[in-house]
Amino acid sequence: MNSLPLEITFIDKQGLFKYFNEMTEASEMMLVRTPSSIGRHVANCHPPKSLRKVMTVIRDLKTGIRTSESMWFKKKDQYIHLTYKAIFNKEGEFLGVLEYVQDIQHFFELPSKVKTGLSEIDFE
């Protein structure tokens, strides 16, 4: 999980921060997470300016109003894409929320020509 080009967080059904992957140092993360956050309530892991929005999304995911929610914003020289996904077991019981975050700046820099084939590799 640490090699994925995403920052991943899992919050359980009680709203407790249970997991995050450590793909990079905390100071380099798009959304900073530290081991001391594990076990804390999600409300204590977000800045005040985003807390109301985060808690609304989590409530809607928990109650089934939404199954996922995505948003994006600019942070310095990065465009950050953030997705919250409700996780349910086979019986439909809410288990928690998976959050994944990625820098999508490189998508804006793609050439306008569509690429559908594999990159050329010289096997000699």
PDB file of N, CA and C in Angstrom:
ATOM      1  N   MET A   1       0.826  -1.205   0.000  1.00  0.00           N
ATOM      2  CA  MET A   1       0.000   0.000   0.000  1.00  0.00           C
ATOM      3  C   MET A   1       0.864   1.261   0.000  1.00  0.00           C
ATOM      4  N   ASN A   2       2.056   1.175   0.573  1.00  0.00           N
ATOM      5  CA  ASN A   2       2.917   2.350   0.610  1.00  0.00           C
ATOM      6  C   ASN A   2       3.476   2.716  -0.749  1.00  0.00           C
ATOM      7  N   SER A   3       3.439   1.797  -1.705  1.00  0.00           N
ATOM      8  CA  SER A   3       3.982   2.107  -3.023  1.00  0.00           C
ATOM      9  C   SER A   3       2.930   2.676  -3.978  1.00  0.00           C
ATOM     10  N   LEU A   4       1.681   2.712  -3.582  1.00  0.00           N
ATOM     11  CA  LEU A   4       0.641   3.300  -4.420  1.00  0.00           C
ATOM     12  C   LEU A   4       0.850   4.814  -4.521  1.00  0.00           C
ATOM     13  N   PRO A   5       0.545   5.411  -5.659  1.00  0.00           N
ATOM     14  CA  PRO A   5       0.707   6.860  -5.802  1.00  0.00           C
ATOM     15  C   PRO A   5      -0.494   7.635  -5.246  1.00  0.00           C
ATOM     16  N   LEU A   6      -1.014   7.157  -4.133  1.00  0.00           N
ATOM     17  CA  LEU A   6      -2.159   7.763  -3.452  1.00  0.00           C
ATOM     18  C   LEU A   6      -1.881   7.818  -1.961  1.00  0.00           C
ATOM     19  N   GLU A   7      -2.446   8.789  -1.300  1.00  0.00           N
ATOM     20  CA  GLU A   7      -2.464   8.776   0.160  1.00  0.00           C
ATOM     21  C   GLU A   7      -3.803   8.156   0.547  1.00  0.00           C
ATOM     22  N   ILE A   8      -3.759   7.124   1.369  1.00  0.00           N
ATOM     23  CA  ILE A   8      -4.957   6.379   1.748  1.00  0.00           C
ATOM     24  C   ILE A   8      -5.158   6.475   3.257  1.00  0.00           C
ATOM     25  N   THR A   9      -6.389   6.704   3.653  1.00  0.00           N
ATOM     26  CA  THR A   9      -6.759   6.763   5.064  1.00  0.00           C
ATOM     27  C   THR A   9      -8.029   5.940   5.257  1.00  0.00           C
ATOM     28  N   PHE A  10      -8.129   5.237   6.384  1.00  0.00           N
ATOM     29  CA  PHE A  10      -9.364   4.541   6.723  1.00  0.00           C
ATOM     30  C   PHE A  10      -9.846   5.019   8.078  1.00  0.00           C
ATOM     31  N   ILE A  11     -11.144   5.355   8.124  1.00  0.00           N
ATOM     32  CA  ILE A  11     -11.812   5.792   9.346  1.00  0.00           C
ATOM     33  C   ILE A  11     -12.909   4.778   9.627  1.00  0.00           C
ATOM     34  N   ASP A  12     -12.940   4.219  10.828  1.00  0.00           N
ATOM     35  CA  ASP A  12     -13.926   3.172  11.124  1.00  0.00           C
ATOM     36  C   ASP A  12     -15.326   3.739  11.355  1.00  0.00           C
ATOM     37  N   LYS A  13     -16.290   2.857  11.626  1.00  0.00           N
ATOM     38  CA  LYS A  13     -17.692   3.271  11.746  1.00  0.00           C
ATOM     39  C   LYS A  13     -17.952   4.180  12.936  1.00  0.00           C
ATOM     40  N   GLN A  14     -17.051   4.199  13.919  1.00  0.00           N
ATOM     41  CA  GLN A  14     -17.181   5.133  15.038  1.00  0.00           C
ATOM     42  C   GLN A  14     -16.513   6.474  14.746  1.00  0.00           C
ATOM     43  N   GLY A  15     -15.906   6.595  13.568  1.00  0.00           N
ATOM     44  CA  GLY A  15     -15.243   7.834  13.206  1.00  0.00           C
ATOM     45  C   GLY A  15     -13.808   7.918  13.706  1.00  0.00           C
ATOM     46  N   LEU A  16     -13.226   6.754  14.064  1.00  0.00           N
ATOM     47  CA  LEU A  16     -11.857   6.745  14.565  1.00  0.00           C
ATOM     48  C   LEU A  16     -10.872   6.481  13.433  1.00  0.00           C
ATOM     49  N   PHE A  17      -9.814   7.245  13.409  1.00  0.00           N
ATOM     50  CA  PHE A  17      -8.751   7.134  12.419  1.00  0.00           C
ATOM     51  C   PHE A  17      -7.991   5.843  12.714  1.00  0.00           C
ATOM     52  N   LYS A  18      -8.057   4.878  11.786  1.00  0.00           N
ATOM     53  CA  LYS A  18      -7.477   3.551  12.002  1.00  0.00           C
ATOM     54  C   LYS A  18      -6.246   3.245  11.165  1.00  0.00           C
ATOM     55  N   TYR A  19      -6.104   3.877   9.984  1.00  0.00           N
ATOM     56  CA  TYR A  19      -5.003   3.495   9.101  1.00  0.00           C
ATOM     57  C   TYR A  19      -4.663   4.632   8.150  1.00  0.00           C
ATOM     58  N   PHE A  20      -3.402   4.750   7.824  1.00  0.00           N
ATOM     59  CA  PHE A  20      -2.964   5.550   6.682  1.00  0.00           C
ATOM     60  C   PHE A  20      -1.706   4.917   6.123  1.00  0.00           C
ATOM     61  N   ASN A  21      -1.544   5.014   4.807  1.00  0.00           N
ATOM     62  CA  ASN A  21      -0.312   4.500   4.210  1.00  0.00           C
ATOM     63  C   ASN A  21       0.759   5.580   4.315  1.00  0.00           C
ATOM     64  N   GLU A  22       1.983   5.156   4.348  1.00  0.00           N
ATOM     65  CA  GLU A  22       3.088   6.093   4.497  1.00  0.00           C
ATOM     66  C   GLU A  22       3.918   6.092   3.214  1.00  0.00           C
ATOM     67  N   MET A  23       3.331   6.673   2.165  1.00  0.00           N
ATOM     68  CA  MET A  23       4.014   6.697   0.872  1.00  0.00           C
ATOM     69  C   MET A  23       5.157   7.695   0.838  1.00  0.00           C
ATOM     70  N   THR A  24       5.167   8.635   1.771  1.00  0.00           N
ATOM     71  CA  THR A  24       6.207   9.645   1.843  1.00  0.00           C
ATOM     72  C   THR A  24       6.278  10.189   3.272  1.00  0.00           C
ATOM     73  N   GLU A  25       7.256  11.002   3.542  1.00  0.00           N
ATOM     74  CA  GLU A  25       7.382  11.635   4.860  1.00  0.00           C
ATOM     75  C   GLU A  25       6.177  12.547   5.110  1.00  0.00           C
ATOM     76  N   ALA A  26       5.787  12.700   6.366  1.00  0.00           N
ATOM     77  CA  ALA A  26       4.624  13.526   6.719  1.00  0.00           C
ATOM     78  C   ALA A  26       4.739  14.931   6.149  1.00  0.00           C
ATOM     79  N   SER A  27       5.933  15.508   6.177  1.00  0.00           N
ATOM     80  CA  SER A  27       6.114  16.877   5.692  1.00  0.00           C
ATOM     81  C   SER A  27       5.904  16.995   4.184  1.00  0.00           C
ATOM     82  N   GLU A  28       5.970  15.880   3.457  1.00  0.00           N
ATOM     83  CA  GLU A  28       5.802  15.878   2.010  1.00  0.00           C
ATOM     84  C   GLU A  28       4.397  15.449   1.582  1.00  0.00           C
ATOM     85  N   MET A  29       3.559  15.018   2.533  1.00  0.00           N
ATOM     86  CA  MET A  29       2.221  14.549   2.200  1.00  0.00           C
ATOM     87  C   MET A  29       1.336  15.692   1.718  1.00  0.00           C
ATOM     88  N   MET A  30       0.393  15.355   0.871  1.00  0.00           N
ATOM     89  CA  MET A  30      -0.576  16.350   0.416  1.00  0.00           C
ATOM     90  C   MET A  30      -1.476  16.762   1.578  1.00  0.00           C
ATOM     91  N   LEU A  31      -1.912  15.768   2.368  1.00  0.00           N
ATOM     92  CA  LEU A  31      -2.672  16.008   3.598  1.00  0.00           C
ATOM     93  C   LEU A  31      -1.899  15.303   4.716  1.00  0.00           C
ATOM     94  N   VAL A  32      -1.340  16.063   5.605  1.00  0.00           N
ATOM     95  CA  VAL A  32      -0.420  15.514   6.594  1.00  0.00           C
ATOM     96  C   VAL A  32      -1.127  14.563   7.560  1.00  0.00           C
ATOM     97  N   ARG A  33      -0.525  13.390   7.733  1.00  0.00           N
ATOM     98  CA  ARG A  33      -0.977  12.382   8.696  1.00  0.00           C
ATOM     99  C   ARG A  33       0.257  11.911   9.451  1.00  0.00           C
ATOM    100  N   THR A  34       0.074  11.635  10.724  1.00  0.00           N
ATOM    101  CA  THR A  34       1.187  11.137  11.534  1.00  0.00           C
ATOM    102  C   THR A  34       0.704   9.950  12.359  1.00  0.00           C
ATOM    103  N   PRO A  35       1.620   9.091  12.802  1.00  0.00           N
ATOM    104  CA  PRO A  35       1.210   7.954  13.634  1.00  0.00           C
ATOM    105  C   PRO A  35       0.417   8.367  14.878  1.00  0.00           C
ATOM    106  N   SER A  36       0.657   9.562  15.392  1.00  0.00           N
ATOM    107  CA  SER A  36      -0.086  10.006  16.581  1.00  0.00           C
ATOM    108  C   SER A  36      -1.566  10.233  16.290  1.00  0.00           C
ATOM    109  N   SER A  37      -1.940  10.301  15.009  1.00  0.00           N
ATOM    110  CA  SER A  37      -3.351  10.468  14.643  1.00  0.00           C
ATOM    111  C   SER A  37      -4.152   9.181  14.785  1.00  0.00           C
ATOM    112  N   ILE A  38      -3.484   8.043  14.730  1.00  0.00           N
ATOM    113  CA  ILE A  38      -4.174   6.753  14.818  1.00  0.00           C
ATOM    114  C   ILE A  38      -4.923   6.671  16.154  1.00  0.00           C
ATOM    115  N   GLY A  39      -6.201   6.304  16.074  1.00  0.00           N
ATOM    116  CA  GLY A  39      -7.037   6.191  17.268  1.00  0.00           C
ATOM    117  C   GLY A  39      -7.802   7.460  17.610  1.00  0.00           C
ATOM    118  N   ARG A  40      -7.451   8.561  16.987  1.00  0.00           N
ATOM    119  CA  ARG A  40      -8.154   9.820  17.246  1.00  0.00           C
ATOM    120  C   ARG A  40      -9.441   9.876  16.434  1.00  0.00           C
ATOM    121  N   HIS A  41     -10.413  10.630  16.928  1.00  0.00           N
ATOM    122  CA  HIS A  41     -11.652  10.831  16.185  1.00  0.00           C
ATOM    123  C   HIS A  41     -11.368  11.723  14.986  1.00  0.00           C
ATOM    124  N   VAL A  42     -12.028  11.444  13.878  1.00  0.00           N
ATOM    125  CA  VAL A  42     -11.818  12.185  12.639  1.00  0.00           C
ATOM    126  C   VAL A  42     -12.014  13.689  12.839  1.00  0.00           C
ATOM    127  N   ALA A  43     -12.896  14.077  13.733  1.00  0.00           N
ATOM    128  CA  ALA A  43     -13.125  15.504  13.992  1.00  0.00           C
ATOM    129  C   ALA A  43     -11.877  16.187  14.541  1.00  0.00           C
ATOM    130  N   ASN A  44     -10.987  15.418  15.139  1.00  0.00           N
ATOM    131  CA  ASN A  44      -9.759  15.985  15.694  1.00  0.00           C
ATOM    132  C   ASN A  44      -8.580  15.884  14.730  1.00  0.00           C
ATOM    133  N   CYS A  45      -8.843  15.476  13.501  1.00  0.00           N
ATOM    134  CA  CYS A  45      -7.778  15.284  12.512  1.00  0.00           C
ATOM    135  C   CYS A  45      -7.903  16.221  11.316  1.00  0.00           C
ATOM    136  N   HIS A  46      -8.857  17.141  11.341  1.00  0.00           N
ATOM    137  CA  HIS A  46      -9.062  18.048  10.212  1.00  0.00           C
ATOM    138  C   HIS A  46      -9.006  19.493  10.691  1.00  0.00           C
ATOM    139  N   PRO A  47      -8.536  20.389   9.828  1.00  0.00           N
ATOM    140  CA  PRO A  47      -8.511  21.807  10.201  1.00  0.00           C
ATOM    141  C   PRO A  47      -9.932  22.355  10.324  1.00  0.00           C
ATOM    142  N   PRO A  48     -10.128  23.331  11.182  1.00  0.00           N
ATOM    143  CA  PRO A  48     -11.469  23.890  11.409  1.00  0.00           C
ATOM    144  C   PRO A  48     -12.181  24.333  10.136  1.00  0.00           C
ATOM    145  N   LYS A  49     -11.455  24.872   9.157  1.00  0.00           N
ATOM    146  CA  LYS A  49     -12.121  25.386   7.950  1.00  0.00           C
ATOM    147  C   LYS A  49     -12.749  24.290   7.102  1.00  0.00           C
ATOM    148  N   SER A  50     -12.276  23.042   7.220  1.00  0.00           N
ATOM    149  CA  SER A  50     -12.851  21.952   6.428  1.00  0.00           C
ATOM    150  C   SER A  50     -13.691  20.981   7.254  1.00  0.00           C
ATOM    151  N   LEU A  51     -13.705  21.135   8.553  1.00  0.00           N
ATOM    152  CA  LEU A  51     -14.346  20.162   9.441  1.00  0.00           C
ATOM    153  C   LEU A  51     -15.832  19.981   9.163  1.00  0.00           C
ATOM    154  N   ARG A  52     -16.583  21.053   8.995  1.00  0.00           N
ATOM    155  CA  ARG A  52     -18.029  20.924   8.761  1.00  0.00           C
ATOM    156  C   ARG A  52     -18.307  20.124   7.486  1.00  0.00           C
ATOM    157  N   LYS A  53     -17.561  20.421   6.432  1.00  0.00           N
ATOM    158  CA  LYS A  53     -17.744  19.724   5.161  1.00  0.00           C
ATOM    159  C   LYS A  53     -17.404  18.245   5.313  1.00  0.00           C
ATOM    160  N   VAL A  54     -16.293  17.935   5.969  1.00  0.00           N
ATOM    161  CA  VAL A  54     -15.861  16.547   6.168  1.00  0.00           C
ATOM    162  C   VAL A  54     -16.907  15.774   6.972  1.00  0.00           C
ATOM    163  N   MET A  55     -17.384  16.356   8.051  1.00  0.00           N
ATOM    164  CA  MET A  55     -18.354  15.662   8.895  1.00  0.00           C
ATOM    165  C   MET A  55     -19.688  15.451   8.170  1.00  0.00           C
ATOM    166  N   THR A  56     -20.084  16.388   7.321  1.00  0.00           N
ATOM    167  CA  THR A  56     -21.301  16.225   6.518  1.00  0.00           C
ATOM    168  C   THR A  56     -21.141  15.060   5.547  1.00  0.00           C
ATOM    169  N   VAL A  57     -19.996  14.995   4.873  1.00  0.00           N
ATOM    170  CA  VAL A  57     -19.748  13.899   3.931  1.00  0.00           C
ATOM    171  C   VAL A  57     -19.751  12.561   4.662  1.00  0.00           C
ATOM    172  N   ILE A  58     -19.082  12.479   5.805  1.00  0.00           N
ATOM    173  CA  ILE A  58     -19.034  11.221   6.562  1.00  0.00           C
ATOM    174  C   ILE A  58     -20.437  10.817   7.022  1.00  0.00           C
ATOM    175  N   ARG A  59     -21.218  11.753   7.488  1.00  0.00           N
ATOM    176  CA  ARG A  59     -22.604  11.446   7.887  1.00  0.00           C
ATOM    177  C   ARG A  59     -23.396  10.907   6.706  1.00  0.00           C
ATOM    178  N   ASP A  60     -23.264  11.550   5.548  1.00  0.00           N
ATOM    179  CA  ASP A  60     -24.000  11.114   4.362  1.00  0.00           C
ATOM    180  C   ASP A  60     -23.542   9.744   3.880  1.00  0.00           C
ATOM    181  N   LEU A  61     -22.261   9.445   3.996  1.00  0.00           N
ATOM    182  CA  LEU A  61     -21.752   8.127   3.621  1.00  0.00           C
ATOM    183  C   LEU A  61     -22.278   7.058   4.576  1.00  0.00           C
ATOM    184  N   LYS A  62     -22.262   7.377   5.844  1.00  0.00           N
ATOM    185  CA  LYS A  62     -22.706   6.420   6.881  1.00  0.00           C
ATOM    186  C   LYS A  62     -24.192   6.092   6.735  1.00  0.00           C
ATOM    187  N   THR A  63     -24.983   7.085   6.387  1.00  0.00           N
ATOM    188  CA  THR A  63     -26.430   6.885   6.290  1.00  0.00           C
ATOM    189  C   THR A  63     -26.879   6.431   4.904  1.00  0.00           C
ATOM    190  N   GLY A  64     -25.962   6.366   3.950  1.00  0.00           N
ATOM    191  CA  GLY A  64     -26.297   5.904   2.615  1.00  0.00           C
ATOM    192  C   GLY A  64     -26.827   6.974   1.680  1.00  0.00           C
ATOM    193  N   ILE A  65     -26.851   8.229   2.124  1.00  0.00           N
ATOM    194  CA  ILE A  65     -27.274   9.316   1.238  1.00  0.00           C
ATOM    195  C   ILE A  65     -26.334   9.394   0.038  1.00  0.00           C
ATOM    196  N   ARG A  66     -25.055   9.125   0.294  1.00  0.00           N
ATOM    197  CA  ARG A  66     -24.044   9.068  -0.762  1.00  0.00           C
ATOM    198  C   ARG A  66     -23.261   7.775  -0.594  1.00  0.00           C
ATOM    199  N   THR A  67     -22.673   7.283  -1.683  1.00  0.00           N
ATOM    200  CA  THR A  67     -21.751   6.144  -1.581  1.00  0.00           C
ATOM    201  C   THR A  67     -20.312   6.612  -1.707  1.00  0.00           C
ATOM    202  N   SER A  68     -20.127   7.773  -2.325  1.00  0.00           N
ATOM    203  CA  SER A  68     -18.803   8.373  -2.403  1.00  0.00           C
ATOM    204  C   SER A  68     -18.951   9.862  -2.662  1.00  0.00           C
ATOM    205  N   GLU A  69     -17.872  10.564  -2.452  1.00  0.00           N
ATOM    206  CA  GLU A  69     -17.835  12.003  -2.738  1.00  0.00           C
ATOM    207  C   GLU A  69     -16.411  12.360  -3.120  1.00  0.00           C
ATOM    208  N   SER A  70     -16.274  13.131  -4.173  1.00  0.00           N
ATOM    209  CA  SER A  70     -14.956  13.587  -4.610  1.00  0.00           C
ATOM    210  C   SER A  70     -14.928  15.097  -4.675  1.00  0.00           C
ATOM    211  N   MET A  71     -13.768  15.653  -4.467  1.00  0.00           N
ATOM    212  CA  MET A  71     -13.560  17.095  -4.575  1.00  0.00           C
ATOM    213  C   MET A  71     -12.113  17.340  -4.953  1.00  0.00           C
ATOM    214  N   TRP A  72     -11.809  18.511  -5.389  1.00  0.00           N
ATOM    215  CA  TRP A  72     -10.431  18.851  -5.706  1.00  0.00           C
ATOM    216  C   TRP A  72     -10.199  20.308  -5.355  1.00  0.00           C
ATOM    217  N   PHE A  73      -8.928  20.619  -5.146  1.00  0.00           N
ATOM    218  CA  PHE A  73      -8.539  21.974  -4.801  1.00  0.00           C
ATOM    219  C   PHE A  73      -7.067  22.161  -5.152  1.00  0.00           C
ATOM    220  N   LYS A  74      -6.664  23.405  -5.231  1.00  0.00           N
ATOM    221  CA  LYS A  74      -5.270  23.723  -5.536  1.00  0.00           C
ATOM    222  C   LYS A  74      -4.540  23.990  -4.227  1.00  0.00           C
ATOM    223  N   LYS A  75      -3.354  23.398  -4.098  1.00  0.00           N
ATOM    224  CA  LYS A  75      -2.503  23.608  -2.925  1.00  0.00           C
ATOM    225  C   LYS A  75      -1.085  23.841  -3.430  1.00  0.00           C
ATOM    226  N   LYS A  76      -0.638  25.074  -3.324  1.00  0.00           N
ATOM    227  CA  LYS A  76       0.657  25.483  -3.884  1.00  0.00           C
ATOM    228  C   LYS A  76       0.701  25.128  -5.362  1.00  0.00           C
ATOM    229  N   ASP A  77       1.625  24.270  -5.785  1.00  0.00           N
ATOM    230  CA  ASP A  77       1.730  23.930  -7.205  1.00  0.00           C
ATOM    231  C   ASP A  77       1.089  22.584  -7.534  1.00  0.00           C
ATOM    232  N   GLN A  78       0.190  22.118  -6.676  1.00  0.00           N
ATOM    233  CA  GLN A  78      -0.468  20.836  -6.894  1.00  0.00           C
ATOM    234  C   GLN A  78      -1.980  21.034  -7.006  1.00  0.00           C
ATOM    235  N   TYR A  79      -2.600  20.197  -7.832  1.00  0.00           N
ATOM    236  CA  TYR A  79      -4.053  20.060  -7.805  1.00  0.00           C
ATOM    237  C   TYR A  79      -4.314  18.765  -7.063  1.00  0.00           C
ATOM    238  N   ILE A  80      -5.010  18.851  -5.950  1.00  0.00           N
ATOM    239  CA  ILE A  80      -5.271  17.708  -5.089  1.00  0.00           C
ATOM    240  C   ILE A  80      -6.684  17.189  -5.368  1.00  0.00           C
ATOM    241  N   HIS A  81      -6.798  15.891  -5.644  1.00  0.00           N
ATOM    242  CA  HIS A  81      -8.095  15.243  -5.836  1.00  0.00           C
ATOM    243  C   HIS A  81      -8.319  14.328  -4.643  1.00  0.00           C
ATOM    244  N   LEU A  82      -9.445  14.492  -3.996  1.00  0.00           N
ATOM    245  CA  LEU A  82      -9.763  13.792  -2.753  1.00  0.00           C
ATOM    246  C   LEU A  82     -11.071  13.043  -2.937  1.00  0.00           C
ATOM    247  N   THR A  83     -11.083  11.760  -2.570  1.00  0.00           N
ATOM    248  CA  THR A  83     -12.298  10.954  -2.660  1.00  0.00           C
ATOM    249  C   THR A  83     -12.573  10.279  -1.324  1.00  0.00           C
ATOM    250  N   TYR A  84     -13.814  10.345  -0.893  1.00  0.00           N
ATOM    251  CA  TYR A  84     -14.292   9.617   0.280  1.00  0.00           C
ATOM    252  C   TYR A  84     -15.204   8.515  -0.241  1.00  0.00           C
ATOM    253  N   LYS A  85     -15.010   7.290   0.210  1.00  0.00           N
ATOM    254  CA  LYS A  85     -15.798   6.147  -0.252  1.00  0.00           C
ATOM    255  C   LYS A  85     -16.334   5.390   0.950  1.00  0.00           C
ATOM    256  N   ALA A  86     -17.641   5.172   0.993  1.00  0.00           N
ATOM    257  CA  ALA A  86     -18.252   4.374   2.067  1.00  0.00           C
ATOM    258  C   ALA A  86     -17.887   2.913   1.869  1.00  0.00           C
ATOM    259  N   ILE A  87     -17.564   2.223   2.958  1.00  0.00           N
ATOM    260  CA  ILE A  87     -17.241   0.801   2.923  1.00  0.00           C
ATOM    261  C   ILE A  87     -18.311   0.053   3.714  1.00  0.00           C
ATOM    262  N   PHE A  88     -18.927  -0.933   3.062  1.00  0.00           N
ATOM    263  CA  PHE A  88     -19.964  -1.753   3.675  1.00  0.00           C
ATOM    264  C   PHE A  88     -19.568  -3.218   3.563  1.00  0.00           C
ATOM    265  N   ASN A  89     -19.991  -4.040   4.515  1.00  0.00           N
ATOM    266  CA  ASN A  89     -19.753  -5.485   4.389  1.00  0.00           C
ATOM    267  C   ASN A  89     -20.852  -6.104   3.521  1.00  0.00           C
ATOM    268  N   LYS A  90     -20.819  -7.427   3.342  1.00  0.00           N
ATOM    269  CA  LYS A  90     -21.785  -8.119   2.477  1.00  0.00           C
ATOM    270  C   LYS A  90     -23.222  -7.969   2.966  1.00  0.00           C
ATOM    271  N   GLU A  91     -23.382  -7.793   4.271  1.00  0.00           N
ATOM    272  CA  GLU A  91     -24.722  -7.645   4.844  1.00  0.00           C
ATOM    273  C   GLU A  91     -25.226  -6.204   4.778  1.00  0.00           C
ATOM    274  N   GLY A  92     -24.428  -5.311   4.228  1.00  0.00           N
ATOM    275  CA  GLY A  92     -24.840  -3.914   4.114  1.00  0.00           C
ATOM    276  C   GLY A  92     -24.520  -3.066   5.329  1.00  0.00           C
ATOM    277  N   GLU A  93     -23.791  -3.620   6.293  1.00  0.00           N
ATOM    278  CA  GLU A  93     -23.424  -2.861   7.491  1.00  0.00           C
ATOM    279  C   GLU A  93     -22.277  -1.905   7.159  1.00  0.00           C
ATOM    280  N   PHE A  94     -22.440  -0.652   7.570  1.00  0.00           N
ATOM    281  CA  PHE A  94     -21.415   0.359   7.352  1.00  0.00           C
ATOM    282  C   PHE A  94     -20.189   0.027   8.198  1.00  0.00           C
ATOM    283  N   LEU A  95     -19.011  -0.031   7.557  1.00  0.00           N
ATOM    284  CA  LEU A  95     -17.770  -0.348   8.256  1.00  0.00           C
ATOM    285  C   LEU A  95     -16.872   0.867   8.453  1.00  0.00           C
ATOM    286  N   GLY A  96     -17.017   1.853   7.580  1.00  0.00           N
ATOM    287  CA  GLY A  96     -16.180   3.034   7.706  1.00  0.00           C
ATOM    288  C   GLY A  96     -16.030   3.757   6.378  1.00  0.00           C
ATOM    289  N   VAL A  97     -15.031   4.622   6.344  1.00  0.00           N
ATOM    290  CA  VAL A  97     -14.794   5.459   5.177  1.00  0.00           C
ATOM    291  C   VAL A  97     -13.347   5.319   4.733  1.00  0.00           C
ATOM    292  N   LEU A  98     -13.176   5.078   3.449  1.00  0.00           N
ATOM    293  CA  LEU A  98     -11.856   5.069   2.842  1.00  0.00           C
ATOM    294  C   LEU A  98     -11.683   6.419   2.155  1.00  0.00           C
ATOM    295  N   GLU A  99     -10.597   7.091   2.488  1.00  0.00           N
ATOM    296  CA  GLU A  99     -10.279   8.368   1.859  1.00  0.00           C
ATOM    297  C   GLU A  99      -9.021   8.155   1.036  1.00  0.00           C
ATOM    298  N   TYR A 100      -9.039   8.607  -0.214  1.00  0.00           N
ATOM    299  CA  TYR A 100      -7.807   8.549  -0.984  1.00  0.00           C
ATOM    300  C   TYR A 100      -7.575   9.886  -1.673  1.00  0.00           C
ATOM    301  N   VAL A 101      -6.299  10.258  -1.685  1.00  0.00           N
ATOM    302  CA  VAL A 101      -5.882  11.582  -2.122  1.00  0.00           C
ATOM    303  C   VAL A 101      -4.766  11.421  -3.143  1.00  0.00           C
ATOM    304  N   GLN A 102      -4.846  12.184  -4.217  1.00  0.00           N
ATOM    305  CA  GLN A 102      -3.770  12.140  -5.197  1.00  0.00           C
ATOM    306  C   GLN A 102      -3.526  13.513  -5.810  1.00  0.00           C
ATOM    307  N   ASP A 103      -2.299  13.732  -6.229  1.00  0.00           N
ATOM    308  CA  ASP A 103      -1.928  14.940  -6.953  1.00  0.00           C
ATOM    309  C   ASP A 103      -2.291  14.696  -8.413  1.00  0.00           C
ATOM    310  N   ILE A 104      -3.177  15.504  -8.968  1.00  0.00           N
ATOM    311  CA  ILE A 104      -3.604  15.315 -10.352  1.00  0.00           C
ATOM    312  C   ILE A 104      -3.007  16.367 -11.280  1.00  0.00           C
ATOM    313  N   GLN A 105      -2.037  17.125 -10.817  1.00  0.00           N
ATOM    314  CA  GLN A 105      -1.410  18.163 -11.643  1.00  0.00           C
ATOM    315  C   GLN A 105      -0.919  17.589 -12.973  1.00  0.00           C
ATOM    316  N   HIS A 106      -0.311  16.409 -12.939  1.00  0.00           N
ATOM    317  CA  HIS A 106       0.238  15.834 -14.168  1.00  0.00           C
ATOM    318  C   HIS A 106      -0.834  15.570 -15.233  1.00  0.00           C
ATOM    319  N   PHE A 107      -2.089  15.400 -14.828  1.00  0.00           N
ATOM    320  CA  PHE A 107      -3.157  15.212 -15.815  1.00  0.00           C
ATOM    321  C   PHE A 107      -3.373  16.483 -16.646  1.00  0.00           C
ATOM    322  N   PHE A 108      -3.153  17.642 -16.032  1.00  0.00           N
ATOM    323  CA  PHE A 108      -3.299  18.897 -16.756  1.00  0.00           C
ATOM    324  C   PHE A 108      -2.178  19.096 -17.776  1.00  0.00           C
ATOM    325  N   GLU A 109      -1.099  18.390 -17.586  1.00  0.00           N
ATOM    326  CA  GLU A 109       0.067  18.532 -18.449  1.00  0.00           C
ATOM    327  C   GLU A 109       0.124  17.472 -19.557  1.00  0.00           C
ATOM    328  N   LEU A 110      -0.897  16.635 -19.678  1.00  0.00           N
ATOM    329  CA  LEU A 110      -0.927  15.624 -20.730  1.00  0.00           C
ATOM    330  C   LEU A 110      -1.038  16.287 -22.095  1.00  0.00           C
ATOM    331  N   PRO A 111      -0.420  15.690 -23.099  1.00  0.00           N
ATOM    332  CA  PRO A 111      -0.571  16.244 -24.446  1.00  0.00           C
ATOM    333  C   PRO A 111      -2.022  16.098 -24.914  1.00  0.00           C
ATOM    334  N   SER A 112      -2.401  16.940 -25.864  1.00  0.00           N
ATOM    335  CA  SER A 112      -3.791  16.897 -26.325  1.00  0.00           C
ATOM    336  C   SER A 112      -4.070  15.661 -27.184  1.00  0.00           C
ATOM    337  N   LYS A 113      -3.035  15.073 -27.763  1.00  0.00           N
ATOM    338  CA  LYS A 113      -3.216  13.872 -28.578  1.00  0.00           C
ATOM    339  C   LYS A 113      -3.514  12.683 -27.656  1.00  0.00           C
ATOM    340  N   VAL A 114      -4.526  11.912 -27.993  1.00  0.00           N
ATOM    341  CA  VAL A 114      -4.920  10.752 -27.195  1.00  0.00           C
ATOM    342  C   VAL A 114      -3.890   9.648 -27.349  1.00  0.00           C
ATOM    343  N   LYS A 115      -3.494   9.021 -26.252  1.00  0.00           N
ATOM    344  CA  LYS A 115      -2.535   7.911 -26.270  1.00  0.00           C
ATOM    345  C   LYS A 115      -3.276   6.646 -25.881  1.00  0.00           C
ATOM    346  N   THR A 116      -3.333   5.683 -26.776  1.00  0.00           N
ATOM    347  CA  THR A 116      -4.046   4.441 -26.491  1.00  0.00           C
ATOM    348  C   THR A 116      -3.140   3.223 -26.533  1.00  0.00           C
ATOM    349  N   GLY A 117      -1.913   3.399 -27.006  1.00  0.00           N
ATOM    350  CA  GLY A 117      -0.994   2.267 -27.120  1.00  0.00           C
ATOM    351  C   GLY A 117       0.041   2.257 -26.010  1.00  0.00           C
ATOM    352  N   LEU A 118       0.838   1.200 -26.000  1.00  0.00           N
ATOM    353  CA  LEU A 118       1.920   1.073 -25.035  1.00  0.00           C
ATOM    354  C   LEU A 118       3.095   1.940 -25.464  1.00  0.00           C
ATOM    355  N   SER A 119       3.913   2.329 -24.502  1.00  0.00           N
ATOM    356  CA  SER A 119       5.128   3.069 -24.825  1.00  0.00           C
ATOM    357  C   SER A 119       6.092   2.147 -25.552  1.00  0.00           C
ATOM    358  N   GLU A 120       6.880   2.720 -26.438  1.00  0.00           N
ATOM    359  CA  GLU A 120       7.883   1.949 -27.179  1.00  0.00           C
ATOM    360  C   GLU A 120       8.979   1.491 -26.220  1.00  0.00           C
ATOM    361  N   ILE A 121       9.326   0.223 -26.277  1.00  0.00           N
ATOM    362  CA  ILE A 121      10.413  -0.333 -25.457  1.00  0.00           C
ATOM    363  C   ILE A 121      11.361  -1.061 -26.381  1.00  0.00           C
ATOM    364  N   ASP A 122      12.635  -0.776 -26.254  1.00  0.00           N
ATOM    365  CA  ASP A 122      13.644  -1.459 -27.072  1.00  0.00           C
ATOM    366  C   ASP A 122      14.120  -2.661 -26.285  1.00  0.00           C
ATOM    367  N   PHE A 123      13.800  -3.869 -26.749  1.00  0.00           N
ATOM    368  CA  PHE A 123      14.155  -5.102 -26.051  1.00  0.00           C
ATOM    369  C   PHE A 123      15.512  -5.652 -26.446  1.00  0.00           C
ATOM    370  N   GLU A 124      16.253  -4.937 -27.272  1.00  0.00           N
ATOM    371  CA  GLU A 124      17.559  -5.450 -27.705  1.00  0.00           C
ATOM    372  C   GLU A 124      18.628  -5.256 -26.671  1.00  0.00           C
TER     373      GLU A 124
END
